[in-house]
Amino acid sequence: MKSIDEIKPIVESLVFAAEEPITLRKLTDIIEGADSPQIQEAILQLKADYDAQGRSFQIEEIAGGYQLFTKPDYYEWIAKLRKKSGETKL
């Protein structure tokens, strides 16, 4: 059985790397030695860590899985990035 401190960085890396929301079931299938309650606790702790550290992103549950999102406070900056990267020069 893995400890929460061992599970947290693994969960974080999987949620970060997933191209779509990653389900709790998939997380438990991938992380050997961790059960659903442990993974859910790791996610709760990651959310609390991000809030306490004032991070610009958060983990949200969406479409039956978990995904990283930029906080709404930073929408203006993300919109500028997307506008700039969408401009093409001829």
C-alpha atoms as a PDB file:
ATOM      1  CA  MET A   1       0.000   0.000   0.000  1.00  0.00           C
ATOM      2  CA  LYS A   2       1.370   3.381  -1.005  1.00  0.00           C
ATOM      3  CA  SER A   3       1.218   6.438   1.251  1.00  0.00           C
ATOM      4  CA  ILE A   4      -0.669   9.598   0.290  1.00  0.00           C
ATOM      5  CA  ASP A   5       2.696  11.394   0.001  1.00  0.00           C
ATOM      6  CA  GLU A   6       3.785   8.822  -2.591  1.00  0.00           C
ATOM      7  CA  ILE A   7       0.466   8.948  -4.453  1.00  0.00           C
ATOM      8  CA  LYS A   8       0.087  12.750  -4.727  1.00  0.00           C
ATOM      9  CA  PRO A   9       2.908  13.406  -7.227  1.00  0.00           C
ATOM     10  CA  ILE A  10       1.845  10.405  -9.318  1.00  0.00           C
ATOM     11  CA  VAL A  11      -1.771  11.604  -9.457  1.00  0.00           C
ATOM     12  CA  GLU A  12      -0.599  15.126 -10.262  1.00  0.00           C
ATOM     13  CA  SER A  13       1.584  13.921 -13.128  1.00  0.00           C
ATOM     14  CA  LEU A  14      -1.189  11.764 -14.588  1.00  0.00           C
ATOM     15  CA  VAL A  15      -3.818  14.511 -14.396  1.00  0.00           C
ATOM     16  CA  PHE A  16      -1.330  16.938 -15.951  1.00  0.00           C
ATOM     17  CA  ALA A  17      -0.345  14.591 -18.784  1.00  0.00           C
ATOM     18  CA  ALA A  18      -3.839  13.325 -19.643  1.00  0.00           C
ATOM     19  CA  GLU A  19      -5.262  14.847 -22.810  1.00  0.00           C
ATOM     20  CA  GLU A  20      -8.795  14.444 -21.494  1.00  0.00           C
ATOM     21  CA  PRO A  21     -10.328  14.089 -18.034  1.00  0.00           C
ATOM     22  CA  ILE A  22      -8.840  11.021 -16.345  1.00  0.00           C
ATOM     23  CA  THR A  23     -11.259   8.886 -14.363  1.00  0.00           C
ATOM     24  CA  LEU A  24     -10.790   7.628 -10.831  1.00  0.00           C
ATOM     25  CA  ARG A  25     -10.981   4.086 -12.200  1.00  0.00           C
ATOM     26  CA  LYS A  26      -8.156   4.750 -14.651  1.00  0.00           C
ATOM     27  CA  LEU A  27      -6.055   6.303 -11.885  1.00  0.00           C
ATOM     28  CA  THR A  28      -6.575   3.238  -9.662  1.00  0.00           C
ATOM     29  CA  ASP A  29      -5.741   0.928 -12.579  1.00  0.00           C
ATOM     30  CA  ILE A  30      -2.489   2.783 -13.263  1.00  0.00           C
ATOM     31  CA  ILE A  31      -1.315   3.398  -9.684  1.00  0.00           C
ATOM     32  CA  GLU A  32      -0.609  -0.013  -8.253  1.00  0.00           C
ATOM     33  CA  GLY A  33      -0.915  -0.200  -4.478  1.00  0.00           C
ATOM     34  CA  ALA A  34      -3.420   2.664  -4.253  1.00  0.00           C
ATOM     35  CA  ASP A  35      -7.170   2.400  -3.830  1.00  0.00           C
ATOM     36  CA  SER A  36      -9.942   4.846  -4.759  1.00  0.00           C
ATOM     37  CA  PRO A  37     -10.245   6.485  -1.315  1.00  0.00           C
ATOM     38  CA  GLN A  38      -6.483   7.124  -1.223  1.00  0.00           C
ATOM     39  CA  ILE A  39      -6.517   8.670  -4.690  1.00  0.00           C
ATOM     40  CA  GLN A  40      -9.511  10.831  -3.799  1.00  0.00           C
ATOM     41  CA  GLU A  41      -7.679  11.981  -0.657  1.00  0.00           C
ATOM     42  CA  ALA A  42      -4.586  12.748  -2.742  1.00  0.00           C
ATOM     43  CA  ILE A  43      -6.719  14.879  -5.084  1.00  0.00           C
ATOM     44  CA  LEU A  44      -8.254  16.747  -2.141  1.00  0.00           C
ATOM     45  CA  GLN A  45      -4.794  17.395  -0.726  1.00  0.00           C
ATOM     46  CA  LEU A  46      -3.498  18.588  -4.102  1.00  0.00           C
ATOM     47  CA  LYS A  47      -6.439  21.004  -4.365  1.00  0.00           C
ATOM     48  CA  ALA A  48      -5.684  22.324  -0.864  1.00  0.00           C
ATOM     49  CA  ASP A  49      -1.963  22.594  -1.680  1.00  0.00           C
ATOM     50  CA  TYR A  50      -2.681  24.593  -4.844  1.00  0.00           C
ATOM     51  CA  ASP A  51      -4.996  26.961  -2.956  1.00  0.00           C
ATOM     52  CA  ALA A  52      -2.530  27.420  -0.081  1.00  0.00           C
ATOM     53  CA  GLN A  53       0.309  28.110  -2.524  1.00  0.00           C
ATOM     54  CA  GLY A  54      -1.762  30.574  -4.558  1.00  0.00           C
ATOM     55  CA  ARG A  55      -1.332  28.552  -7.751  1.00  0.00           C
ATOM     56  CA  SER A  56      -2.915  29.738 -10.999  1.00  0.00           C
ATOM     57  CA  PHE A  57      -4.454  26.325 -11.689  1.00  0.00           C
ATOM     58  CA  GLN A  58      -6.719  23.810  -9.997  1.00  0.00           C
ATOM     59  CA  ILE A  59      -7.898  20.226 -10.386  1.00  0.00           C
ATOM     60  CA  GLU A  60     -11.573  19.980 -11.268  1.00  0.00           C
ATOM     61  CA  GLU A  61     -13.891  17.038 -11.678  1.00  0.00           C
ATOM     62  CA  ILE A  62     -15.446  17.150 -15.132  1.00  0.00           C
ATOM     63  CA  ALA A  63     -16.988  14.621 -17.517  1.00  0.00           C
ATOM     64  CA  GLY A  64     -16.528  11.809 -14.992  1.00  0.00           C
ATOM     65  CA  GLY A  65     -12.821  12.476 -14.536  1.00  0.00           C
ATOM     66  CA  TYR A  66     -10.244  14.937 -13.279  1.00  0.00           C
ATOM     67  CA  GLN A  67      -8.480  17.657 -15.239  1.00  0.00           C
ATOM     68  CA  LEU A  68      -6.228  20.646 -14.558  1.00  0.00           C
ATOM     69  CA  PHE A  69      -7.695  24.047 -15.353  1.00  0.00           C
ATOM     70  CA  THR A  70      -6.375  27.565 -15.138  1.00  0.00           C
ATOM     71  CA  LYS A  71      -8.310  29.588 -12.564  1.00  0.00           C
ATOM     72  CA  PRO A  72     -10.844  32.050 -14.040  1.00  0.00           C
ATOM     73  CA  ASP A  73      -8.805  34.970 -12.642  1.00  0.00           C
ATOM     74  CA  TYR A  74      -6.259  34.321 -15.392  1.00  0.00           C
ATOM     75  CA  TYR A  75      -8.680  34.110 -18.330  1.00  0.00           C
ATOM     76  CA  GLU A  76      -7.604  37.538 -19.626  1.00  0.00           C
ATOM     77  CA  TRP A  77      -3.982  36.392 -19.905  1.00  0.00           C
ATOM     78  CA  ILE A  78      -4.848  33.061 -21.508  1.00  0.00           C
ATOM     79  CA  ALA A  79      -7.065  34.854 -24.045  1.00  0.00           C
ATOM     80  CA  LYS A  80      -4.125  37.114 -24.975  1.00  0.00           C
ATOM     81  CA  LEU A  81      -1.879  34.086 -25.422  1.00  0.00           C
ATOM     82  CA  ARG A  82      -4.404  32.342 -27.651  1.00  0.00           C
ATOM     83  CA  LYS A  83      -4.942  35.479 -29.696  1.00  0.00           C
ATOM     84  CA  LYS A  84      -1.189  35.943 -30.179  1.00  0.00           C
ATOM     85  CA  SER A  85      -0.558  32.293 -31.058  1.00  0.00           C
ATOM     86  CA  GLY A  86      -3.503  32.356 -33.490  1.00  0.00           C
ATOM     87  CA  GLU A  87      -2.079  35.233 -35.499  1.00  0.00           C
ATOM     88  CA  THR A  88      -0.252  34.173 -38.646  1.00  0.00           C
ATOM     89  CA  LYS A  89       2.123  36.249 -40.667  1.00  0.00           C
ATOM     90  CA  LEU A  90       2.298  36.033 -44.424  1.00  0.00           C
END
